[in-house]
């Protein structure tokens, strides 16, 4: 009926200032990751999602990013790599997700970004796909190509690209990037070239919204027959 029942053991302890969550669906298990934004170690808490929905901490959790990194936005790539936006160090960290849910740093991580990196969006297009990071202190979008074998990030030429001041998380939908901008009561729309990762404003962007847009969601409807 849509009502909610608390799981045994809930709430499950995480780190300080938990801000974002991400799920990794591996062939052997499902894992939940939590960014602990206020943890001095800049940590990520990792949990195994049990069959009844309860959480069991992964051995070794929480995993450190960089000291005082301020982890926020998370994104799991198709190559089972967890990317973390580090708002205090203007960078994106990458971690390989092991079979037991533990995290191992990707070679070369963390990767430089714009100022105040706050949220991430991924695209599984091309050999390894692209990753996009919203930078909330300089109003830009950093764009990277993803190495399909290692998960390492290479910044796209010209990145970071001029965007808007995000007031919420970046969203990738059907080839476009969207950002709420509370400072201008609008939603910015950007089109990445999926052949090279270059990001450009969409025609007509920004689009006016209500006062102080904060978060975005996407819903698709099935095609009608006849149309």
N, C-alpha and C. Protein backbone atom coordinates (compact mmCIF):
# COMPACT_ATOMS: atom_id res chain seq x y z
N UNK A 1 0.81 -1.22 0.00
CA UNK A 1 0.00 0.00 0.00
C UNK A 1 0.83 1.26 0.00
N UNK A 2 2.16 1.12 -0.02
CA UNK A 2 3.02 2.30 -0.04
C UNK A 2 3.45 2.79 1.32
N UNK A 3 2.97 2.17 2.38
CA UNK A 3 3.40 2.59 3.72
C UNK A 3 4.81 2.07 3.98
N UNK A 4 5.46 2.63 4.97
CA UNK A 4 6.85 2.31 5.28
C UNK A 4 6.97 1.63 6.63
N UNK A 5 7.82 0.64 6.70
CA UNK A 5 8.11 -0.05 7.95
C UNK A 5 9.61 -0.02 8.19
N UNK A 6 10.01 0.35 9.40
CA UNK A 6 11.43 0.47 9.70
C UNK A 6 12.10 -0.89 9.68
N UNK A 7 13.29 -0.95 9.07
CA UNK A 7 14.07 -2.19 9.04
C UNK A 7 14.73 -2.42 10.39
N UNK A 8 14.92 -3.67 10.73
CA UNK A 8 15.62 -4.00 11.97
C UNK A 8 17.03 -3.43 11.91
N UNK A 9 17.42 -2.73 12.98
CA UNK A 9 18.75 -2.14 13.05
C UNK A 9 18.84 -0.74 12.52
N UNK A 10 17.79 -0.24 11.88
CA UNK A 10 17.78 1.11 11.34
C UNK A 10 17.53 2.13 12.45
N UNK A 11 18.18 3.31 12.43
CA UNK A 11 19.13 3.80 11.42
C UNK A 11 20.51 3.15 11.56
N UNK A 12 21.24 3.09 10.45
CA UNK A 12 22.55 2.48 10.41
C UNK A 12 23.62 3.57 10.47
N UNK A 13 24.55 3.43 11.41
CA UNK A 13 25.54 4.49 11.65
C UNK A 13 26.44 4.69 10.44
N UNK A 14 26.67 5.96 10.11
CA UNK A 14 27.62 6.33 9.06
C UNK A 14 28.59 7.34 9.66
N UNK A 15 29.19 8.19 8.80
CA UNK A 15 30.16 9.16 9.28
C UNK A 15 29.54 10.52 9.52
N UNK A 16 30.40 11.53 9.75
CA UNK A 16 29.94 12.88 10.08
C UNK A 16 29.47 13.62 8.83
N UNK A 17 28.29 14.25 8.95
CA UNK A 17 27.79 15.08 7.87
C UNK A 17 27.47 14.33 6.60
N UNK A 18 26.84 13.18 6.73
CA UNK A 18 26.50 12.37 5.55
C UNK A 18 25.67 13.21 4.58
N UNK A 19 26.11 13.23 3.29
CA UNK A 19 25.45 14.13 2.34
C UNK A 19 24.85 13.43 1.12
N UNK A 20 25.53 12.42 0.58
CA UNK A 20 25.07 11.78 -0.64
C UNK A 20 25.21 10.27 -0.53
N UNK A 21 24.37 9.56 -1.31
CA UNK A 21 24.41 8.10 -1.36
C UNK A 21 24.54 7.63 -2.80
N UNK A 22 25.11 6.45 -2.98
CA UNK A 22 25.17 5.81 -4.29
C UNK A 22 25.14 4.30 -4.10
N UNK A 23 24.58 3.61 -5.08
CA UNK A 23 24.47 2.15 -5.03
C UNK A 23 25.27 1.54 -6.17
N UNK A 24 26.02 0.49 -5.86
CA UNK A 24 26.74 -0.29 -6.87
C UNK A 24 26.16 -1.68 -6.92
N UNK A 25 25.71 -2.09 -8.09
CA UNK A 25 25.13 -3.42 -8.27
C UNK A 25 26.16 -4.31 -8.95
N UNK A 26 26.86 -5.12 -8.16
CA UNK A 26 27.83 -6.07 -8.70
C UNK A 26 27.14 -7.41 -8.92
N UNK A 27 27.79 -8.30 -9.64
CA UNK A 27 27.18 -9.59 -9.94
C UNK A 27 26.97 -10.42 -8.69
N UNK A 28 27.84 -10.21 -7.68
CA UNK A 28 27.76 -11.04 -6.48
C UNK A 28 27.01 -10.39 -5.33
N UNK A 29 26.88 -9.06 -5.35
CA UNK A 29 26.26 -8.37 -4.22
C UNK A 29 25.95 -6.94 -4.61
N UNK A 30 25.14 -6.29 -3.79
CA UNK A 30 24.83 -4.88 -3.95
C UNK A 30 25.41 -4.11 -2.76
N UNK A 31 25.97 -2.93 -3.06
CA UNK A 31 26.62 -2.15 -2.02
C UNK A 31 26.10 -0.72 -2.02
N UNK A 32 26.06 -0.12 -0.83
CA UNK A 32 25.65 1.27 -0.65
C UNK A 32 26.84 2.07 -0.13
N UNK A 33 27.05 3.26 -0.73
CA UNK A 33 28.15 4.13 -0.32
C UNK A 33 27.60 5.47 0.14
N UNK A 34 28.18 6.00 1.21
CA UNK A 34 27.72 7.25 1.80
C UNK A 34 28.90 8.21 1.93
N UNK A 35 28.73 9.44 1.42
CA UNK A 35 29.77 10.46 1.52
C UNK A 35 29.63 11.19 2.85
N UNK A 36 30.69 11.18 3.63
CA UNK A 36 30.68 11.81 4.96
C UNK A 36 31.37 13.17 4.85
N UNK A 37 30.58 14.19 4.51
CA UNK A 37 31.12 15.48 4.11
C UNK A 37 31.90 16.19 5.21
N UNK A 38 31.52 15.99 6.47
CA UNK A 38 32.16 16.71 7.58
C UNK A 38 33.24 15.90 8.29
N UNK A 39 33.51 14.71 7.82
CA UNK A 39 34.55 13.88 8.43
C UNK A 39 35.93 14.47 8.11
N UNK A 40 36.77 14.72 9.12
CA UNK A 40 38.11 15.26 8.85
C UNK A 40 38.94 14.39 7.91
N UNK A 41 38.63 13.10 7.83
CA UNK A 41 39.33 12.21 6.92
C UNK A 41 38.70 12.18 5.52
N UNK A 42 37.61 12.93 5.35
CA UNK A 42 36.94 12.91 4.05
C UNK A 42 36.51 11.52 3.65
N UNK A 43 35.82 10.82 4.53
CA UNK A 43 35.62 9.39 4.34
C UNK A 43 34.34 9.03 3.58
N UNK A 44 34.35 7.78 3.09
CA UNK A 44 33.20 7.16 2.44
C UNK A 44 32.83 5.91 3.25
N UNK A 45 31.60 5.85 3.74
CA UNK A 45 31.13 4.65 4.43
C UNK A 45 30.58 3.67 3.39
N UNK A 46 30.89 2.40 3.57
CA UNK A 46 30.47 1.37 2.61
C UNK A 46 29.68 0.28 3.35
N UNK A 47 28.59 -0.15 2.73
CA UNK A 47 27.72 -1.15 3.33
C UNK A 47 27.33 -2.20 2.29
N UNK A 48 27.21 -3.44 2.74
CA UNK A 48 26.56 -4.48 1.94
C UNK A 48 25.06 -4.37 2.17
N UNK A 49 24.29 -4.40 1.07
CA UNK A 49 22.83 -4.37 1.19
C UNK A 49 22.35 -5.81 1.27
N UNK A 50 21.81 -6.18 2.40
CA UNK A 50 21.36 -7.55 2.60
C UNK A 50 20.02 -7.80 1.91
N UNK A 51 19.63 -9.05 1.81
CA UNK A 51 18.41 -9.41 1.08
C UNK A 51 17.16 -8.79 1.70
N UNK A 52 17.19 -8.50 3.01
CA UNK A 52 16.04 -7.89 3.67
C UNK A 52 16.12 -6.37 3.67
N UNK A 53 17.14 -5.81 2.99
CA UNK A 53 17.28 -4.37 2.92
C UNK A 53 18.15 -3.77 4.00
N UNK A 54 18.50 -4.55 5.01
CA UNK A 54 19.36 -4.02 6.07
C UNK A 54 20.79 -3.86 5.56
N UNK A 55 21.59 -3.12 6.31
CA UNK A 55 22.95 -2.79 5.89
C UNK A 55 23.97 -3.39 6.85
N UNK A 56 25.05 -3.93 6.27
CA UNK A 56 26.17 -4.43 7.05
C UNK A 56 27.43 -3.70 6.59
N UNK A 57 28.17 -3.05 7.51
CA UNK A 57 29.38 -2.34 7.09
C UNK A 57 30.37 -3.26 6.39
N UNK A 58 30.95 -2.78 5.30
CA UNK A 58 32.00 -3.50 4.60
C UNK A 58 33.27 -3.46 5.45
N UNK A 59 34.01 -4.57 5.48
CA UNK A 59 35.25 -4.61 6.24
C UNK A 59 36.19 -3.51 5.75
N UNK A 60 36.71 -2.72 6.68
CA UNK A 60 37.60 -1.62 6.35
C UNK A 60 36.91 -0.28 6.24
N UNK A 61 35.57 -0.28 6.23
CA UNK A 61 34.81 0.96 6.15
C UNK A 61 34.89 1.73 7.47
N UNK A 62 34.95 3.07 7.43
CA UNK A 62 34.92 3.95 6.27
C UNK A 62 36.27 4.06 5.58
N UNK A 63 36.24 4.41 4.28
CA UNK A 63 37.45 4.52 3.48
C UNK A 63 37.79 6.00 3.27
N UNK A 64 39.05 6.35 3.48
CA UNK A 64 39.48 7.74 3.40
C UNK A 64 39.66 8.19 1.96
N UNK A 65 39.25 9.43 1.68
CA UNK A 65 39.55 10.05 0.39
C UNK A 65 40.84 10.87 0.57
N UNK A 66 40.69 12.14 0.92
CA UNK A 66 41.84 12.97 1.29
C UNK A 66 41.43 13.73 2.54
N UNK A 67 42.39 14.09 3.41
CA UNK A 67 42.04 14.82 4.64
C UNK A 67 41.28 16.11 4.32
N UNK A 68 40.17 16.30 5.05
CA UNK A 68 39.33 17.49 4.90
C UNK A 68 38.88 17.72 3.46
N UNK A 69 38.69 16.63 2.73
CA UNK A 69 38.28 16.75 1.33
C UNK A 69 36.84 17.21 1.15
N UNK A 70 36.00 16.97 2.17
CA UNK A 70 34.60 17.35 2.04
C UNK A 70 33.86 16.61 0.95
N UNK A 71 33.87 15.26 0.97
CA UNK A 71 33.19 14.51 -0.09
C UNK A 71 31.70 14.79 -0.13
N UNK A 72 31.17 14.94 -1.34
CA UNK A 72 29.73 15.16 -1.50
C UNK A 72 29.17 14.24 -2.58
N UNK A 73 29.04 14.71 -3.80
CA UNK A 73 28.40 13.92 -4.84
C UNK A 73 29.14 12.63 -5.15
N UNK A 74 28.37 11.57 -5.42
CA UNK A 74 28.93 10.26 -5.75
C UNK A 74 28.37 9.81 -7.10
N UNK A 75 29.17 9.01 -7.82
CA UNK A 75 28.70 8.42 -9.07
C UNK A 75 29.40 7.09 -9.28
N UNK A 76 28.64 6.06 -9.66
CA UNK A 76 29.21 4.75 -9.94
C UNK A 76 29.19 4.55 -11.45
N UNK A 77 30.38 4.30 -12.04
CA UNK A 77 30.47 4.10 -13.48
C UNK A 77 30.14 2.67 -13.84
N UNK A 78 29.96 2.42 -15.14
CA UNK A 78 29.66 1.07 -15.61
C UNK A 78 30.83 0.12 -15.38
N UNK A 79 32.03 0.69 -15.19
CA UNK A 79 33.20 -0.14 -14.91
C UNK A 79 33.40 -0.42 -13.45
N UNK A 80 32.34 -0.21 -12.64
CA UNK A 80 32.41 -0.44 -11.19
C UNK A 80 33.51 0.39 -10.54
N UNK A 81 33.52 1.67 -10.89
CA UNK A 81 34.39 2.64 -10.24
C UNK A 81 33.51 3.68 -9.55
N UNK A 82 33.82 3.99 -8.29
CA UNK A 82 33.09 4.99 -7.54
C UNK A 82 33.85 6.31 -7.63
N UNK A 83 33.18 7.35 -8.10
CA UNK A 83 33.78 8.68 -8.16
C UNK A 83 33.15 9.56 -7.09
N UNK A 84 33.99 10.41 -6.49
CA UNK A 84 33.56 11.23 -5.36
C UNK A 84 33.96 12.67 -5.61
N UNK A 85 33.01 13.60 -5.51
CA UNK A 85 33.30 15.02 -5.62
C UNK A 85 33.86 15.53 -4.29
N UNK A 86 35.03 16.15 -4.34
CA UNK A 86 35.69 16.67 -3.15
C UNK A 86 35.61 18.20 -3.16
N UNK A 87 34.59 18.75 -2.48
CA UNK A 87 34.30 20.18 -2.59
C UNK A 87 35.39 21.05 -1.99
N UNK A 88 36.11 20.57 -0.98
CA UNK A 88 37.10 21.40 -0.30
C UNK A 88 38.46 21.39 -0.98
N UNK A 89 38.70 20.44 -1.85
CA UNK A 89 40.01 20.34 -2.51
C UNK A 89 39.89 20.48 -4.03
N UNK A 90 38.70 20.84 -4.52
CA UNK A 90 38.49 21.11 -5.95
C UNK A 90 38.99 19.93 -6.80
N UNK A 91 38.47 18.75 -6.50
CA UNK A 91 38.96 17.55 -7.16
C UNK A 91 37.88 16.48 -7.18
N UNK A 92 38.13 15.44 -7.99
CA UNK A 92 37.30 14.25 -8.03
C UNK A 92 38.19 13.05 -7.74
N UNK A 93 37.80 12.24 -6.75
CA UNK A 93 38.55 11.04 -6.41
C UNK A 93 37.87 9.84 -7.05
N UNK A 94 38.68 8.85 -7.44
CA UNK A 94 38.14 7.64 -8.03
C UNK A 94 38.60 6.41 -7.27
N UNK A 95 37.68 5.45 -7.07
CA UNK A 95 37.98 4.22 -6.34
C UNK A 95 37.42 3.02 -7.10
N UNK A 96 38.23 2.01 -7.29
CA UNK A 96 37.74 0.74 -7.83
C UNK A 96 36.94 0.03 -6.75
N UNK A 97 35.80 -0.52 -7.13
CA UNK A 97 34.95 -1.26 -6.20
C UNK A 97 35.33 -2.73 -6.29
N UNK A 98 35.86 -3.27 -5.22
CA UNK A 98 36.27 -4.67 -5.20
C UNK A 98 35.08 -5.59 -4.98
N UNK A 99 35.28 -6.88 -5.16
CA UNK A 99 34.18 -7.85 -5.08
C UNK A 99 33.51 -7.87 -3.71
N UNK A 100 34.27 -7.49 -2.66
CA UNK A 100 33.70 -7.47 -1.31
C UNK A 100 33.15 -6.10 -0.93
N UNK A 101 33.15 -5.15 -1.89
CA UNK A 101 32.62 -3.82 -1.63
C UNK A 101 33.64 -2.83 -1.12
N UNK A 102 34.84 -3.29 -0.82
CA UNK A 102 35.89 -2.38 -0.37
C UNK A 102 36.35 -1.52 -1.53
N UNK A 103 37.05 -0.43 -1.21
CA UNK A 103 37.45 0.55 -2.20
C UNK A 103 38.96 0.65 -2.29
N UNK A 104 39.48 0.71 -3.52
CA UNK A 104 40.91 0.89 -3.77
C UNK A 104 41.08 2.10 -4.67
N UNK A 105 41.99 3.05 -4.32
CA UNK A 105 42.15 4.26 -5.14
C UNK A 105 42.57 3.93 -6.57
N UNK A 106 42.01 4.66 -7.51
CA UNK A 106 42.41 4.57 -8.91
C UNK A 106 43.73 5.30 -9.08
N UNK A 107 44.61 4.75 -9.89
CA UNK A 107 45.90 5.39 -10.13
C UNK A 107 45.70 6.81 -10.65
N UNK A 108 46.42 7.77 -10.04
CA UNK A 108 46.31 9.16 -10.44
C UNK A 108 45.28 9.96 -9.68
N UNK A 109 44.45 9.28 -8.88
CA UNK A 109 43.42 9.95 -8.09
C UNK A 109 44.04 10.66 -6.89
N UNK A 110 43.52 11.86 -6.51
CA UNK A 110 42.37 12.58 -7.07
C UNK A 110 42.73 13.37 -8.32
N UNK A 111 41.68 13.70 -9.10
CA UNK A 111 41.83 14.39 -10.37
C UNK A 111 41.32 15.83 -10.23
N UNK A 112 42.07 16.78 -10.75
CA UNK A 112 41.74 18.19 -10.60
C UNK A 112 40.40 18.53 -11.23
N UNK A 113 39.67 19.46 -10.57
CA UNK A 113 38.37 19.92 -11.06
C UNK A 113 38.29 21.43 -10.90
N UNK A 114 37.08 22.00 -11.03
CA UNK A 114 36.88 23.41 -10.78
C UNK A 114 36.76 23.67 -9.29
N UNK A 115 36.32 24.87 -8.94
CA UNK A 115 36.26 25.26 -7.53
C UNK A 115 34.95 24.82 -6.89
N UNK A 116 35.08 24.12 -5.75
CA UNK A 116 33.89 23.72 -5.01
C UNK A 116 33.11 22.61 -5.67
N UNK A 117 33.81 21.57 -6.11
CA UNK A 117 33.16 20.46 -6.81
C UNK A 117 32.11 19.81 -5.90
N UNK A 118 30.86 19.78 -6.35
CA UNK A 118 29.79 19.38 -5.44
C UNK A 118 29.00 18.16 -5.88
N UNK A 119 28.86 17.92 -7.17
CA UNK A 119 28.04 16.79 -7.61
C UNK A 119 28.56 16.27 -8.94
N UNK A 120 28.18 15.02 -9.25
CA UNK A 120 28.69 14.33 -10.42
C UNK A 120 27.56 13.70 -11.22
N UNK A 121 27.79 13.58 -12.53
CA UNK A 121 26.87 12.84 -13.40
C UNK A 121 27.70 12.09 -14.42
N UNK A 122 27.31 10.87 -14.72
CA UNK A 122 28.06 10.04 -15.64
C UNK A 122 27.28 9.71 -16.89
N UNK A 123 28.04 9.40 -17.95
CA UNK A 123 27.44 8.97 -19.21
C UNK A 123 28.20 7.75 -19.70
N UNK A 124 27.53 6.64 -19.89
CA UNK A 124 28.18 5.42 -20.34
C UNK A 124 28.29 5.33 -21.84
N UNK A 125 28.68 6.43 -22.48
CA UNK A 125 28.79 6.45 -23.93
C UNK A 125 30.27 6.44 -24.32
N UNK A 126 30.55 5.89 -25.49
CA UNK A 126 31.94 5.80 -25.92
C UNK A 126 32.63 4.62 -25.27
N UNK A 127 33.94 4.51 -25.50
CA UNK A 127 34.69 3.35 -24.96
C UNK A 127 34.62 3.23 -23.45
N UNK A 128 34.78 4.34 -22.72
CA UNK A 128 34.74 4.30 -21.26
C UNK A 128 33.69 5.21 -20.67
N UNK A 129 33.14 6.09 -21.49
CA UNK A 129 32.14 7.03 -21.03
C UNK A 129 32.76 8.34 -20.59
N UNK A 130 31.90 9.24 -20.12
CA UNK A 130 32.32 10.55 -19.65
C UNK A 130 31.79 10.78 -18.24
N UNK A 131 32.50 11.63 -17.50
CA UNK A 131 32.05 12.06 -16.17
C UNK A 131 32.01 13.57 -16.17
N UNK A 132 30.94 14.13 -15.57
CA UNK A 132 30.77 15.57 -15.50
C UNK A 132 30.63 15.99 -14.04
N UNK A 133 31.33 17.05 -13.66
CA UNK A 133 31.33 17.53 -12.28
C UNK A 133 30.86 18.98 -12.23
N UNK A 134 29.87 19.26 -11.37
CA UNK A 134 29.38 20.62 -11.17
C UNK A 134 30.23 21.30 -10.10
N UNK A 135 30.74 22.47 -10.42
CA UNK A 135 31.61 23.23 -9.51
C UNK A 135 30.86 24.45 -9.01
N UNK A 136 30.45 24.42 -7.72
CA UNK A 136 29.51 25.43 -7.24
C UNK A 136 30.14 26.73 -6.78
N UNK A 137 31.47 26.87 -6.82
CA UNK A 137 32.09 28.13 -6.44
C UNK A 137 32.53 28.96 -7.64
N UNK A 138 32.66 28.36 -8.80
CA UNK A 138 33.01 29.15 -9.99
C UNK A 138 32.01 28.97 -11.13
N UNK A 139 30.90 28.26 -10.88
CA UNK A 139 29.85 28.13 -11.89
C UNK A 139 30.30 27.48 -13.16
N UNK A 140 31.04 26.37 -13.03
CA UNK A 140 31.52 25.67 -14.21
C UNK A 140 31.17 24.19 -14.14
N UNK A 141 31.39 23.49 -15.26
CA UNK A 141 31.26 22.05 -15.33
C UNK A 141 32.60 21.49 -15.81
N UNK A 142 33.19 20.61 -15.00
CA UNK A 142 34.39 19.90 -15.42
C UNK A 142 33.97 18.63 -16.14
N UNK A 143 34.65 18.32 -17.24
CA UNK A 143 34.30 17.14 -18.04
C UNK A 143 35.52 16.27 -18.22
N UNK A 144 35.30 14.96 -18.11
CA UNK A 144 36.40 13.99 -18.19
C UNK A 144 36.00 12.82 -19.07
N UNK A 145 37.00 12.24 -19.75
CA UNK A 145 36.82 10.93 -20.35
C UNK A 145 37.29 9.89 -19.35
N UNK A 146 36.64 8.72 -19.35
CA UNK A 146 36.94 7.66 -18.39
C UNK A 146 37.70 6.55 -19.12
N UNK A 147 38.86 6.18 -18.57
CA UNK A 147 39.61 5.05 -19.12
C UNK A 147 38.85 3.77 -18.80
N UNK A 148 38.45 3.05 -19.83
CA UNK A 148 37.60 1.88 -19.64
C UNK A 148 38.27 0.78 -18.85
N UNK A 149 39.58 0.70 -18.86
CA UNK A 149 40.27 -0.39 -18.17
C UNK A 149 40.70 -0.03 -16.76
N UNK A 150 41.05 1.23 -16.52
CA UNK A 150 41.58 1.63 -15.21
C UNK A 150 40.64 2.51 -14.41
N UNK A 151 39.70 3.19 -15.08
CA UNK A 151 38.84 4.14 -14.39
C UNK A 151 39.47 5.51 -14.22
N UNK A 152 40.70 5.71 -14.68
CA UNK A 152 41.37 7.00 -14.57
C UNK A 152 40.63 8.04 -15.40
N UNK A 153 40.69 9.30 -14.95
CA UNK A 153 40.01 10.39 -15.63
C UNK A 153 41.01 11.26 -16.37
N UNK A 154 40.64 11.66 -17.58
CA UNK A 154 41.41 12.62 -18.35
C UNK A 154 40.51 13.80 -18.65
N UNK A 155 40.93 14.99 -18.23
CA UNK A 155 40.09 16.17 -18.41
C UNK A 155 39.99 16.52 -19.90
N UNK A 156 38.77 16.82 -20.35
CA UNK A 156 38.51 17.19 -21.73
C UNK A 156 39.14 18.54 -22.02
N UNK A 157 39.70 18.70 -23.21
CA UNK A 157 40.29 19.98 -23.59
C UNK A 157 39.25 21.10 -23.49
N UNK A 158 39.63 22.18 -22.80
CA UNK A 158 38.71 23.30 -22.60
C UNK A 158 37.97 23.25 -21.28
N UNK A 159 38.03 22.12 -20.59
CA UNK A 159 37.36 21.96 -19.29
C UNK A 159 38.18 22.67 -18.21
N UNK A 160 37.50 23.29 -17.21
CA UNK A 160 36.04 23.34 -17.00
C UNK A 160 35.36 24.35 -17.91
N UNK A 161 34.09 24.02 -18.24
CA UNK A 161 33.30 24.82 -19.16
C UNK A 161 32.35 25.74 -18.38
N UNK A 162 32.16 26.96 -18.90
CA UNK A 162 31.26 27.92 -18.25
C UNK A 162 29.86 27.33 -18.16
N UNK A 163 29.24 27.46 -16.99
CA UNK A 163 27.91 26.88 -16.78
C UNK A 163 27.04 27.85 -16.00
N UNK A 164 26.65 27.47 -14.81
CA UNK A 164 25.82 28.30 -13.95
C UNK A 164 26.14 27.93 -12.51
N UNK A 165 25.66 28.69 -11.57
CA UNK A 165 25.94 28.43 -10.16
C UNK A 165 24.95 27.39 -9.63
N UNK A 166 25.39 26.16 -9.41
CA UNK A 166 24.43 25.11 -9.03
C UNK A 166 23.94 25.26 -7.60
N UNK A 167 22.64 25.04 -7.42
CA UNK A 167 22.07 25.00 -6.07
C UNK A 167 21.63 23.59 -5.72
N UNK A 168 21.92 22.66 -6.60
CA UNK A 168 21.60 21.25 -6.37
C UNK A 168 22.46 20.40 -7.26
N UNK A 169 22.16 19.12 -7.33
CA UNK A 169 23.00 18.18 -8.05
C UNK A 169 22.79 18.26 -9.56
N UNK A 170 23.88 18.00 -10.31
CA UNK A 170 23.82 17.95 -11.76
C UNK A 170 23.10 16.67 -12.18
N UNK A 171 22.33 16.75 -13.27
CA UNK A 171 21.52 15.62 -13.74
C UNK A 171 21.78 15.42 -15.23
N UNK A 172 22.10 14.18 -15.61
CA UNK A 172 22.28 13.84 -17.03
C UNK A 172 21.08 13.05 -17.49
N UNK A 173 20.39 13.58 -18.52
CA UNK A 173 19.18 12.93 -19.03
C UNK A 173 19.19 12.98 -20.55
N UNK A 174 19.16 11.83 -21.18
CA UNK A 174 19.00 11.72 -22.63
C UNK A 174 19.89 12.69 -23.38
N UNK A 175 21.16 12.71 -23.02
CA UNK A 175 22.13 13.50 -23.75
C UNK A 175 22.28 14.93 -23.32
N UNK A 176 21.57 15.36 -22.26
CA UNK A 176 21.69 16.72 -21.78
C UNK A 176 22.00 16.75 -20.29
N UNK A 177 22.69 17.82 -19.87
CA UNK A 177 22.99 18.07 -18.46
C UNK A 177 22.10 19.20 -17.96
N UNK A 178 21.55 19.04 -16.75
CA UNK A 178 20.70 20.06 -16.17
C UNK A 178 21.22 20.44 -14.78
N UNK A 179 21.14 21.74 -14.46
CA UNK A 179 21.58 22.24 -13.16
C UNK A 179 20.57 23.25 -12.63
N UNK A 180 20.04 23.06 -11.40
CA UNK A 180 19.22 24.11 -10.81
C UNK A 180 20.10 25.26 -10.35
N UNK A 181 19.65 26.49 -10.55
CA UNK A 181 20.41 27.68 -10.15
C UNK A 181 19.50 28.61 -9.36
N UNK A 182 19.61 28.51 -8.02
CA UNK A 182 18.75 29.32 -7.15
C UNK A 182 19.07 30.80 -7.25
N UNK A 183 20.31 31.14 -7.60
CA UNK A 183 20.69 32.55 -7.67
C UNK A 183 19.98 33.29 -8.79
N UNK A 184 19.54 32.56 -9.82
CA UNK A 184 18.83 33.20 -10.93
C UNK A 184 17.44 32.63 -11.14
N UNK A 185 16.99 31.79 -10.18
CA UNK A 185 15.65 31.18 -10.27
C UNK A 185 15.45 30.51 -11.64
N UNK A 186 16.42 29.70 -12.02
CA UNK A 186 16.37 29.11 -13.34
C UNK A 186 17.02 27.73 -13.33
N UNK A 187 16.85 27.02 -14.42
CA UNK A 187 17.50 25.73 -14.64
C UNK A 187 18.39 25.87 -15.86
N UNK A 188 19.67 25.60 -15.67
CA UNK A 188 20.60 25.63 -16.79
C UNK A 188 20.63 24.30 -17.50
N UNK A 189 20.68 24.35 -18.82
CA UNK A 189 20.74 23.13 -19.63
C UNK A 189 21.97 23.20 -20.52
N UNK A 190 22.68 22.07 -20.60
CA UNK A 190 23.93 22.01 -21.34
C UNK A 190 23.99 20.72 -22.14
N UNK A 191 24.60 20.81 -23.32
CA UNK A 191 24.67 19.66 -24.22
C UNK A 191 26.12 19.24 -24.39
N UNK A 192 26.48 18.08 -23.84
CA UNK A 192 27.83 17.57 -24.09
C UNK A 192 27.92 16.88 -25.44
N UNK A 193 28.98 17.14 -26.18
CA UNK A 193 29.23 16.42 -27.42
C UNK A 193 29.73 15.03 -27.03
N UNK A 194 28.94 14.01 -27.28
CA UNK A 194 29.25 12.67 -26.81
C UNK A 194 30.32 11.98 -27.65
N UNK A 195 30.89 12.71 -28.61
CA UNK A 195 32.04 12.18 -29.33
C UNK A 195 33.35 12.64 -28.71
N UNK A 196 33.30 13.81 -28.02
CA UNK A 196 34.55 14.32 -27.44
C UNK A 196 34.41 14.90 -26.04
N UNK A 197 33.18 14.98 -25.51
CA UNK A 197 32.98 15.43 -24.14
C UNK A 197 32.89 16.93 -23.96
N UNK A 198 33.00 17.72 -25.02
CA UNK A 198 32.92 19.18 -24.90
C UNK A 198 31.50 19.59 -24.54
N UNK A 199 31.37 20.49 -23.57
CA UNK A 199 30.06 20.89 -23.04
C UNK A 199 29.72 22.30 -23.55
N UNK A 200 28.49 22.45 -24.09
CA UNK A 200 28.01 23.74 -24.59
C UNK A 200 26.62 24.02 -24.03
N UNK A 201 26.25 25.31 -23.87
CA UNK A 201 24.89 25.63 -23.41
C UNK A 201 23.84 25.17 -24.42
N UNK A 202 22.73 24.69 -23.93
CA UNK A 202 21.63 24.31 -24.81
C UNK A 202 20.92 25.56 -25.32
N UNK A 203 20.37 25.53 -26.52
CA UNK A 203 19.61 26.69 -27.02
C UNK A 203 18.49 27.08 -26.06
N UNK A 204 18.41 28.36 -25.76
CA UNK A 204 17.36 28.86 -24.87
C UNK A 204 17.70 28.82 -23.40
N UNK A 205 18.80 28.17 -23.03
CA UNK A 205 19.18 28.07 -21.62
C UNK A 205 19.77 29.39 -21.15
N UNK A 206 19.51 29.79 -19.88
CA UNK A 206 18.77 29.05 -18.84
C UNK A 206 17.26 29.20 -18.97
N UNK A 207 16.53 28.26 -18.36
CA UNK A 207 15.08 28.24 -18.41
C UNK A 207 14.52 28.66 -17.06
N UNK A 208 13.63 29.63 -17.05
CA UNK A 208 13.10 30.16 -15.79
C UNK A 208 12.33 29.09 -15.03
N UNK A 209 12.52 29.11 -13.70
CA UNK A 209 11.83 28.19 -12.80
C UNK A 209 11.18 29.01 -11.69
N UNK A 210 10.75 28.34 -10.63
CA UNK A 210 10.22 29.04 -9.48
C UNK A 210 11.34 29.62 -8.64
N UNK A 211 10.98 30.10 -7.47
CA UNK A 211 11.96 30.74 -6.60
C UNK A 211 12.86 29.71 -5.94
N UNK A 212 14.18 29.85 -6.15
CA UNK A 212 15.16 29.00 -5.48
C UNK A 212 15.10 27.54 -5.81
N UNK A 213 15.17 27.14 -7.08
CA UNK A 213 15.16 25.70 -7.40
C UNK A 213 16.33 24.99 -6.74
N UNK A 214 16.06 23.82 -6.17
CA UNK A 214 17.06 23.14 -5.35
C UNK A 214 17.42 21.76 -5.87
N UNK A 215 16.45 21.01 -6.38
CA UNK A 215 16.71 19.63 -6.78
C UNK A 215 15.90 19.31 -8.02
N UNK A 216 16.41 18.34 -8.80
CA UNK A 216 15.75 17.95 -10.04
C UNK A 216 15.48 16.46 -10.05
N UNK A 217 14.43 16.07 -10.76
CA UNK A 217 14.12 14.65 -10.97
C UNK A 217 13.60 14.51 -12.39
N UNK A 218 13.72 13.30 -12.93
CA UNK A 218 13.33 13.04 -14.31
C UNK A 218 12.34 11.90 -14.37
N UNK A 219 11.33 12.05 -15.21
CA UNK A 219 10.36 10.99 -15.41
C UNK A 219 10.10 10.83 -16.90
N UNK A 220 10.11 9.59 -17.37
CA UNK A 220 9.84 9.31 -18.77
C UNK A 220 8.51 8.56 -18.90
N UNK A 221 7.75 8.89 -19.90
CA UNK A 221 6.48 8.21 -20.15
C UNK A 221 6.62 7.30 -21.36
N UNK A 222 5.97 6.16 -21.35
CA UNK A 222 6.06 5.26 -22.52
C UNK A 222 5.41 5.90 -23.74
N UNK A 223 5.88 5.61 -24.93
CA UNK A 223 5.26 6.17 -26.14
C UNK A 223 3.84 5.67 -26.30
N UNK A 224 3.00 6.55 -26.83
CA UNK A 224 1.60 6.18 -27.05
C UNK A 224 1.43 5.60 -28.44
N UNK A 225 0.50 4.65 -28.59
CA UNK A 225 0.22 4.04 -29.89
C UNK A 225 -1.30 4.07 -30.09
N UNK A 226 -1.86 4.86 -30.98
CA UNK A 226 -1.10 5.73 -31.90
C UNK A 226 -0.56 6.96 -31.19
N UNK A 227 0.46 7.57 -31.76
CA UNK A 227 1.08 8.74 -31.10
C UNK A 227 0.11 9.92 -31.08
